[in-house]
Amino acid sequence: MEIATQRSGDVLELKVRGRLDAYWADHLSTALDEAVREGADRIQVDMAEVSYMSSVGIRVLLRFYKQLQRIKGSFAVCRPSEAVKTVLELSGLQLLLAGAVAATEGARTGLAAARSLETENAAFDVFDLAASPLRCRVVGDPGRFAEAGFGPGDCRLLTFPEATFGLGLGAFGRGFADSQRRFGEFVAAGGGAAYLPTDGTNVPDLVVATGGLVPELNVLYGIACDGVPSCLARFEGKAAPRAGGGLTRAAPVPLSEIVAACLDAAAADAVGVVMVAESAGLMGAALLRSPVNVTAALDYPRIREWLSFTPERAHSRSLALVVGIALRAERSPLMPLLRPLGRGAWPAGHFHAAAFSYRPLQKGRIELAATVSSLFESETLQGVLHLLADDRDSTGRPQSEFLRGACWVGPIAEIGVE
């Protein structure tokens, strides 16, 4: 099989030649997957020179048709050979025979942003939202991790409805006694929450709001932000040439660069951020043991008994839910919870990430709760990390990086300590 690609406006065409049987179906699936990952959401497949198609080939076409329909994109077979047309009609899949996908003139409905930002490695489109000020709550004392360990009096029950996002050290369960052996990193946003238990299973767990069910966590310490973000910043890494030619790829964008752009987009010195983005690799750490009634040893090498660090960037090509707060000024009671996100002192932040199996995101303006709900309900949770930057001089890629995604950002108007 031969596959050639060409663009016409915002439409990507794949011209396929040969047999689309069980052997070659993976070849087409890989080409379509790479196209979607590079941001294509309007795809047509020219099958004029396909001499044979089996049911395996039909499944590949139908999978990508459904995937792009879910994100309001387009997928169609154009110029089908008689062999292809006959198989699709007999299978009742005339929906794939939509003819050519029309290129659009100018911005599509829902894609026009209010303003744009550009950074070294990425371009941002910013949509203004109907917002309510963010109130940030700091719960518990993370200093007890290394000083005395945590006890029953340190445990708080926090709920995370759609209008609350947060992160910290917590667990699902019925109170402190039920959770004490499982406290680990958690992340919550848009009516969903995920955490990594420290009971040795190493299997992340999640809860998503359904009906009257709202995620609850027993929290030793954490940060929760209540309110509605003021803007949505969609970003994509600038195009970089692909080795060997072919489609260009998005350049990886460091977390610190994304956060700095979020601060600019919100015109604030302190922001809360929820991001859903395609990962180019996450760097961070996760607890190995619950710090209940035990003082954690944070000196080297004993720290290895407590924390698992990513030796290199993990969860590449996943879709990550990232939640956190960031500052670019020192005068804040949040400072003890923050550390530099890159090699420089600013921006500083505290971010956790939950990595899921990949799915493309709809372009343009999208809703936080709907995006998170769909992610939690349809994709596989792979892990939860506290994102950290590696400032060693020998490290070439010292922080988490992302290819494209959506950031919901709001200025922090009030900070309380509970």
Protein backbone atom coordinates (compact mmCIF):
# COMPACT_ATOMS: atom_id res chain seq x y z
CA MET A 1 0.00 0.00 0.00
CA GLU A 2 1.07 3.56 -0.76
CA ILE A 3 -0.24 6.62 1.10
CA ALA A 4 0.39 10.19 -0.04
CA THR A 5 -0.78 13.28 1.84
CA GLN A 6 -1.58 16.81 0.77
CA ARG A 7 -3.36 19.80 2.30
CA SER A 8 -5.98 22.08 0.82
CA GLY A 9 -6.77 24.84 3.30
CA ASP A 10 -7.75 23.13 6.54
CA VAL A 11 -8.50 19.78 4.85
CA LEU A 12 -5.94 16.97 4.87
CA GLU A 13 -6.24 14.41 2.09
CA LEU A 14 -4.74 10.94 2.21
CA LYS A 15 -4.51 9.28 -1.19
CA VAL A 16 -4.42 5.51 -0.79
CA ARG A 17 -3.26 3.04 -3.44
CA GLY A 18 -3.32 -0.77 -3.22
CA ARG A 19 -5.18 -3.31 -1.09
CA LEU A 20 -6.79 -2.37 2.23
CA ASP A 21 -6.75 -5.78 3.88
CA ALA A 22 -5.86 -7.04 7.36
CA TYR A 23 -2.15 -6.70 6.67
CA TRP A 24 -2.27 -3.09 5.42
CA ALA A 25 -5.05 -1.78 7.68
CA ASP A 26 -2.55 -1.00 10.46
CA HIS A 27 -0.54 1.05 7.96
CA LEU A 28 -3.56 3.25 7.19
CA SER A 29 -4.55 3.40 10.87
CA THR A 30 -1.07 4.65 11.82
CA ALA A 31 -1.13 7.31 9.09
CA LEU A 32 -4.58 8.54 10.20
CA ASP A 33 -3.58 8.51 13.87
CA GLU A 34 -0.49 10.61 13.16
CA ALA A 35 -2.59 13.05 11.12
CA VAL A 36 -5.08 13.50 13.98
CA ARG A 37 -2.26 13.89 16.51
CA GLU A 38 -0.77 16.64 14.35
CA GLY A 39 -4.03 18.58 14.65
CA ALA A 40 -5.97 17.53 11.54
CA ASP A 41 -9.71 17.38 12.22
CA ARG A 42 -10.98 17.57 8.60
CA ILE A 43 -9.76 14.50 6.71
CA GLN A 44 -10.73 12.91 3.43
CA VAL A 45 -9.40 9.62 2.10
CA ASP A 46 -9.10 9.32 -1.69
CA MET A 47 -9.68 5.63 -2.45
CA ALA A 48 -9.89 5.77 -6.25
CA GLU A 49 -6.92 3.39 -6.53
CA VAL A 50 -7.87 0.89 -3.82
CA SER A 51 -8.45 -2.46 -5.48
CA TYR A 52 -9.81 -4.35 -2.46
CA MET A 53 -11.09 -3.57 1.05
CA SER A 54 -11.85 -6.08 3.81
CA SER A 55 -13.90 -5.68 6.99
CA VAL A 56 -10.71 -4.78 8.86
CA GLY A 57 -10.28 -1.79 6.55
CA ILE A 58 -13.91 -0.79 7.13
CA ARG A 59 -13.32 -0.79 10.90
CA VAL A 60 -10.35 1.59 10.51
CA LEU A 61 -12.40 4.04 8.44
CA LEU A 62 -15.38 3.85 10.79
CA ARG A 63 -13.20 4.38 13.90
CA PHE A 64 -11.76 7.62 12.59
CA TYR A 65 -15.14 8.77 11.26
CA LYS A 66 -16.60 8.41 14.77
CA GLN A 67 -13.54 9.96 16.43
CA LEU A 68 -13.71 13.11 14.31
CA GLN A 69 -17.49 13.33 14.59
CA ARG A 70 -17.10 13.45 18.40
CA ILE A 71 -14.92 16.55 18.15
CA LYS A 72 -17.11 18.14 15.45
CA GLY A 73 -14.58 17.46 12.72
CA SER A 74 -15.16 15.80 9.33
CA PHE A 75 -14.10 12.49 7.80
CA ALA A 76 -15.12 11.15 4.40
CA VAL A 77 -14.14 8.74 1.67
CA CYS A 78 -13.91 10.51 -1.68
CA ARG A 79 -13.64 9.08 -5.20
CA PRO A 80 -14.14 5.47 -4.05
CA SER A 81 -13.23 2.73 -6.48
CA GLU A 82 -16.04 0.38 -7.46
CA ALA A 83 -14.63 -2.24 -5.06
CA VAL A 84 -14.68 0.22 -2.14
CA LYS A 85 -18.08 1.69 -3.01
CA THR A 86 -19.67 -1.76 -3.24
CA VAL A 87 -18.28 -2.88 0.13
CA LEU A 88 -19.41 0.31 1.92
CA GLU A 89 -22.89 0.18 0.41
CA LEU A 90 -23.36 -3.50 1.22
CA SER A 91 -22.17 -2.79 4.78
CA GLY A 92 -24.72 0.01 5.19
CA LEU A 93 -21.96 2.59 5.62
CA GLN A 94 -22.93 5.08 2.95
CA LEU A 95 -22.33 7.75 5.65
CA LEU A 96 -18.64 7.45 4.83
CA LEU A 97 -19.32 8.29 1.17
CA ALA A 98 -19.82 12.00 1.77
CA GLY A 99 -17.67 13.06 -1.15
CA ALA A 100 -14.90 15.57 -0.65
CA VAL A 101 -14.63 17.46 2.64
CA ALA A 102 -15.00 21.12 1.71
CA ALA A 103 -12.24 23.52 2.69
CA THR A 104 -13.55 26.42 4.75
CA GLU A 105 -13.02 30.08 4.07
CA GLY A 106 -11.71 31.94 7.11
CA ALA A 107 -12.51 30.96 10.68
CA ARG A 108 -15.04 28.22 11.32
CA THR A 109 -17.93 28.86 13.67
CA GLY A 110 -16.73 28.68 17.27
CA LEU A 111 -13.04 28.93 16.36
CA ALA A 112 -12.62 32.69 16.27
CA ALA A 113 -10.65 33.84 19.32
CA ALA A 114 -10.88 37.25 20.97
CA ARG A 115 -7.11 37.73 20.90
CA SER A 116 -3.84 35.96 20.23
CA LEU A 117 -0.53 35.52 22.04
CA GLU A 118 2.74 34.22 20.71
CA THR A 119 5.65 32.76 22.68
CA GLU A 120 8.97 31.29 21.62
CA ASN A 121 7.57 27.83 20.92
CA ALA A 122 3.79 28.23 20.70
CA ALA A 123 0.86 30.26 19.41
CA PHE A 124 -2.11 30.90 21.72
CA ASP A 125 -5.70 31.82 20.85
CA VAL A 126 -7.51 33.35 23.83
CA PHE A 127 -11.28 33.23 24.36
CA ASP A 128 -12.79 35.45 27.05
CA LEU A 129 -15.32 33.71 29.33
CA ALA A 130 -18.09 34.83 31.67
CA ALA A 131 -16.08 34.49 34.87
CA SER A 132 -16.42 34.69 38.62
CA PRO A 133 -13.32 35.56 40.71
CA LEU A 134 -11.27 32.60 41.92
CA ARG A 135 -11.04 32.10 45.66
CA CYS A 136 -8.07 29.93 46.57
CA ARG A 137 -8.15 27.85 49.76
CA VAL A 138 -4.97 26.40 51.28
CA VAL A 139 -5.87 23.35 53.35
CA GLY A 140 -3.50 21.72 55.86
CA ASP A 141 0.22 22.04 56.39
CA PRO A 142 2.57 20.28 53.93
CA GLY A 143 5.42 20.87 56.38
CA ARG A 144 4.17 17.99 58.51
CA PHE A 145 5.32 15.64 55.76
CA ALA A 146 8.93 16.06 56.88
CA GLU A 147 8.43 17.17 60.49
CA ALA A 148 6.03 14.88 62.32
CA GLY A 149 3.91 12.93 59.88
CA PHE A 150 0.15 13.30 59.54
CA GLY A 151 -2.52 12.19 62.00
CA PRO A 152 -6.33 12.11 62.20
CA GLY A 153 -6.49 15.80 63.07
CA ASP A 154 -4.86 16.73 59.76
CA CYS A 155 -7.55 15.12 57.63
CA ARG A 156 -10.24 17.28 55.96
CA LEU A 157 -13.06 16.16 53.68
CA LEU A 158 -13.15 18.27 50.49
CA THR A 159 -15.77 18.09 47.74
CA PHE A 160 -15.00 18.98 44.14
CA PRO A 161 -18.09 20.01 42.16
CA GLU A 162 -17.73 21.38 38.62
CA ALA A 163 -16.88 24.91 39.84
CA THR A 164 -13.99 23.78 42.09
CA PHE A 165 -10.57 22.54 41.01
CA GLY A 166 -7.60 21.56 43.13
CA LEU A 167 -4.67 19.30 43.93
CA GLY A 168 -2.81 17.93 46.91
CA LEU A 169 -2.36 14.81 49.00
CA GLY A 170 -5.54 12.85 49.58
CA ALA A 171 -7.52 9.64 49.12
CA PHE A 172 -10.97 8.36 48.32
CA GLY A 173 -12.54 6.63 51.31
CA ARG A 174 -14.73 6.84 54.40
CA GLY A 175 -12.72 9.10 56.63
CA PHE A 176 -9.16 9.03 57.93
CA ALA A 177 -9.14 5.45 59.25
CA ASP A 178 -10.25 4.04 55.90
CA SER A 179 -7.79 6.18 53.94
CA GLN A 180 -4.66 6.25 56.11
CA ARG A 181 -2.72 3.61 54.15
CA ARG A 182 -3.59 5.08 50.74
CA PHE A 183 -2.91 8.84 50.81
CA GLY A 184 -1.29 9.98 47.55
CA GLU A 185 -1.23 12.76 44.97
CA PHE A 186 -4.60 13.87 43.63
CA VAL A 187 -5.93 16.24 40.99
CA ALA A 188 -9.51 17.46 40.57
CA ALA A 189 -11.30 19.68 38.02
CA GLY A 190 -14.55 19.99 36.11
CA GLY A 191 -16.40 17.49 38.27
CA GLY A 192 -13.72 14.78 38.07
CA ALA A 193 -11.00 13.70 40.52
CA ALA A 194 -8.12 11.23 40.21
CA TYR A 195 -5.47 10.06 42.66
CA LEU A 196 -2.65 7.54 43.01
CA PRO A 197 -2.96 5.28 46.09
CA THR A 198 0.18 4.47 48.10
CA ASP A 199 -0.97 1.03 49.26
CA GLY A 200 1.35 -0.80 46.88
CA THR A 201 -1.18 -1.40 44.12
CA ASN A 202 0.15 1.53 42.06
CA VAL A 203 -3.19 1.64 40.22
CA PRO A 204 -4.66 5.16 39.92
CA ASP A 205 -8.35 5.62 40.74
CA LEU A 206 -10.93 8.21 39.74
CA VAL A 207 -14.42 9.52 40.43
CA VAL A 208 -16.47 11.67 38.04
CA ALA A 209 -19.63 13.60 38.89
CA THR A 210 -22.73 11.66 37.81
CA GLY A 211 -26.24 12.61 38.85
CA GLY A 212 -26.02 13.44 42.54
CA LEU A 213 -22.52 11.99 42.90
CA VAL A 214 -19.82 14.64 43.50
CA PRO A 215 -16.14 13.65 43.98
CA GLU A 216 -14.98 13.78 47.62
CA LEU A 217 -11.47 13.31 48.96
CA ASN A 218 -10.02 12.99 52.42
CA VAL A 219 -7.22 15.56 52.18
CA LEU A 220 -4.09 15.91 54.34
CA TYR A 221 -3.04 19.07 52.53
CA GLY A 222 -4.02 20.71 49.30
CA ILE A 223 -5.13 23.72 47.32
CA ALA A 224 -8.69 24.25 46.11
CA CYS A 225 -9.89 27.07 43.85
CA ASP A 226 -13.58 27.98 43.69
CA GLY A 227 -14.97 30.01 40.81
CA VAL A 228 -15.09 30.21 37.02
CA PRO A 229 -11.95 30.89 34.93
CA SER A 230 -11.85 34.21 33.04
CA CYS A 231 -10.41 32.88 29.78
CA LEU A 232 -9.69 29.83 27.69
CA ALA A 233 -6.25 29.79 26.04
CA ARG A 234 -5.86 27.26 23.21
CA PHE A 235 -2.24 26.61 22.24
CA GLU A 236 -0.25 24.64 19.73
CA GLY A 237 3.48 24.22 19.36
CA LYS A 238 4.91 25.99 16.34
CA ALA A 239 5.46 23.78 13.31
CA ALA A 240 8.79 22.00 13.14
CA PRO A 241 10.03 19.88 10.20
CA ARG A 242 9.64 16.13 10.59
CA ALA A 243 12.74 14.00 10.13
CA GLY A 244 12.54 12.35 6.71
CA GLY A 245 10.00 14.85 5.38
CA GLY A 246 6.23 14.47 5.32
CA LEU A 247 3.84 16.28 7.64
CA THR A 248 5.29 18.92 9.93
CA ARG A 249 4.96 18.32 13.64
CA ALA A 250 4.20 20.61 16.56
CA ALA A 251 7.22 21.65 18.61
CA PRO A 252 7.10 20.66 22.31
CA VAL A 253 6.18 23.56 24.61
CA PRO A 254 7.63 23.62 28.17
CA LEU A 255 5.21 23.90 31.08
CA SER A 256 6.88 27.11 32.31
CA GLU A 257 6.30 28.76 28.92
CA ILE A 258 2.62 27.75 28.91
CA VAL A 259 2.12 29.03 32.45
CA ALA A 260 3.82 32.36 31.64
CA ALA A 261 1.43 32.78 28.70
CA CYS A 262 -1.52 31.96 30.99
CA LEU A 263 -0.43 34.72 33.38
CA ASP A 264 -0.28 37.13 30.43
CA ALA A 265 -3.65 35.99 29.08
CA ALA A 266 -5.31 36.62 32.45
CA ALA A 267 -3.33 39.85 33.01
CA ALA A 268 -2.60 38.72 36.57
CA ASP A 269 0.31 37.93 38.87
CA ALA A 270 -1.44 34.92 40.45
CA VAL A 271 -3.63 32.46 38.54
CA GLY A 272 -5.35 29.12 38.84
CA VAL A 273 -4.96 26.91 35.76
CA VAL A 274 -6.70 23.80 34.47
CA MET A 275 -5.15 22.36 31.31
CA VAL A 276 -6.08 19.44 29.08
CA ALA A 277 -3.24 18.86 26.63
CA GLU A 278 -1.38 16.30 24.59
CA SER A 279 1.78 15.41 26.48
CA ALA A 280 5.23 15.31 24.94
CA GLY A 281 6.46 13.88 28.25
CA LEU A 282 5.81 14.55 31.94
CA MET A 283 8.48 14.98 34.60
CA GLY A 284 7.63 14.63 38.27
CA ALA A 285 7.31 12.46 41.34
CA ALA A 286 4.75 10.38 43.19
CA LEU A 287 4.59 9.14 46.78
CA LEU A 288 5.45 5.49 47.39
CA ARG A 289 4.22 5.39 51.02
CA SER A 290 1.48 7.07 52.98
CA PRO A 291 2.98 9.70 55.35
CA VAL A 292 0.56 8.95 58.19
CA ASN A 293 2.12 8.90 61.68
CA VAL A 294 5.58 8.63 60.10
CA THR A 295 8.08 11.40 59.41
CA ALA A 296 9.24 11.16 55.81
CA ALA A 297 12.99 11.00 55.18
CA LEU A 298 13.71 13.61 52.52
CA ASP A 299 17.49 13.36 52.47
CA TYR A 300 19.33 11.38 49.81
CA PRO A 301 19.31 8.39 49.37
CA ARG A 302 16.46 7.68 51.84
CA ILE A 303 14.11 9.88 49.86
CA ARG A 304 13.95 7.05 47.33
CA GLU A 305 11.98 5.07 49.91
CA TRP A 306 9.30 7.77 49.83
CA LEU A 307 9.19 9.26 46.37
CA SER A 308 9.28 7.74 42.91
CA PHE A 309 10.86 10.17 40.44
CA THR A 310 10.48 9.87 36.68
CA PRO A 311 14.02 9.00 35.48
CA GLU A 312 13.04 10.49 32.13
CA ARG A 313 9.89 12.12 30.83
CA ALA A 314 6.89 9.81 31.17
CA HIS A 315 3.43 9.46 29.58
CA SER A 316 4.51 10.82 26.21
CA ARG A 317 1.63 10.94 23.69
CA SER A 318 -0.98 10.75 26.45
CA LEU A 319 -3.70 13.32 27.09
CA ALA A 320 -2.99 14.99 30.42
CA LEU A 321 -5.28 16.83 32.83
CA VAL A 322 -3.02 19.36 34.59
CA VAL A 323 -4.19 21.47 37.54
CA GLY A 324 -2.30 24.05 39.55
CA ILE A 325 -1.60 27.60 40.64
CA ALA A 326 1.17 29.93 39.50
CA LEU A 327 2.71 33.25 40.52
CA ARG A 328 5.21 35.71 39.12
CA ALA A 329 5.58 37.86 42.25
CA GLU A 330 6.87 37.02 45.71
CA ARG A 331 4.25 38.80 47.83
CA SER A 332 1.79 35.97 48.39
CA PRO A 333 0.93 33.54 51.21
CA LEU A 334 1.07 30.83 48.53
CA MET A 335 4.85 31.08 48.16
CA PRO A 336 5.72 28.27 50.63
CA LEU A 337 3.78 25.86 48.40
CA LEU A 338 5.48 26.83 45.16
CA ARG A 339 8.74 26.21 43.40
CA PRO A 340 10.20 27.38 40.05
CA LEU A 341 8.66 25.66 37.03
CA GLY A 342 11.79 26.02 34.92
CA ARG A 343 15.43 27.03 35.30
CA GLY A 344 14.51 30.61 36.18
CA ALA A 345 12.89 31.79 39.40
CA TRP A 346 9.62 32.76 37.67
CA PRO A 347 7.00 31.67 37.06
CA ALA A 348 6.69 29.59 40.21
CA GLY A 349 3.90 27.11 40.66
CA HIS A 350 2.49 23.89 42.06
CA PHE A 351 1.01 21.51 39.48
CA HIS A 352 -0.28 17.94 39.44
CA ALA A 353 -1.16 15.95 36.33
CA ALA A 354 -3.33 12.92 35.58
CA ALA A 355 -2.30 11.12 32.37
CA PHE A 356 -5.00 9.44 30.26
CA SER A 357 -4.96 7.49 27.01
CA TYR A 358 -4.94 9.79 24.00
CA ARG A 359 -7.96 11.33 22.32
CA PRO A 360 -8.11 14.42 20.09
CA LEU A 361 -9.65 17.62 21.40
CA GLN A 362 -12.30 19.60 19.59
CA LYS A 363 -10.89 22.85 18.25
CA GLY A 364 -12.03 26.32 19.25
CA ARG A 365 -14.01 27.20 22.35
CA ILE A 366 -14.82 24.18 24.51
CA GLU A 367 -16.33 23.71 27.96
CA LEU A 368 -14.22 22.56 30.92
CA ALA A 369 -16.78 20.29 32.61
CA ALA A 370 -17.83 18.57 29.37
CA THR A 371 -14.21 18.03 28.33
CA VAL A 372 -13.20 16.54 31.69
CA SER A 373 -16.33 14.36 31.92
CA SER A 374 -15.75 12.91 28.46
CA LEU A 375 -12.08 12.28 29.26
CA PHE A 376 -12.83 10.51 32.55
CA GLU A 377 -15.64 8.41 31.09
CA SER A 378 -14.03 7.27 27.84
CA GLU A 379 -10.26 7.12 28.37
CA THR A 380 -7.94 5.03 30.57
CA LEU A 381 -6.26 6.71 33.56
CA GLN A 382 -2.55 5.87 33.37
CA GLY A 383 -1.00 7.73 36.31
CA VAL A 384 -0.92 10.80 38.56
CA LEU A 385 2.20 12.92 39.13
CA HIS A 386 3.34 16.00 41.04
CA LEU A 387 5.08 17.87 38.21
CA LEU A 388 8.64 18.97 39.00
CA ALA A 389 11.44 20.61 37.03
CA ASP A 390 14.90 19.04 36.99
CA ASP A 391 17.39 21.90 37.33
CA ARG A 392 20.54 19.79 36.97
CA ASP A 393 22.84 21.22 34.29
CA SER A 394 23.17 17.80 32.65
CA THR A 395 19.47 17.58 31.90
CA GLY A 396 18.63 18.57 28.33
CA ARG A 397 14.79 18.59 28.68
CA PRO A 398 14.31 19.60 32.33
CA GLN A 399 10.51 19.92 32.57
CA SER A 400 7.19 18.61 31.34
CA GLU A 401 6.32 19.51 27.76
CA PHE A 402 3.13 19.57 25.72
CA LEU A 403 2.24 19.73 22.03
CA ARG A 404 -1.21 21.33 21.98
CA GLY A 405 -4.11 21.81 24.33
CA ALA A 406 -6.58 24.01 26.17
CA CYS A 407 -5.96 26.05 29.34
CA TRP A 408 -8.75 27.47 31.49
CA VAL A 409 -7.23 30.36 33.45
CA GLY A 410 -8.50 32.68 36.17
CA PRO A 411 -6.88 35.36 38.33
CA ILE A 412 -6.79 34.48 42.02
CA ALA A 413 -8.74 37.24 43.76
CA GLU A 414 -8.71 35.88 47.31
CA ILE A 415 -6.58 33.46 49.33
CA GLY A 416 -7.76 31.78 52.50
CA VAL A 417 -6.10 29.32 54.87
CA GLU A 418 -8.13 26.51 56.45
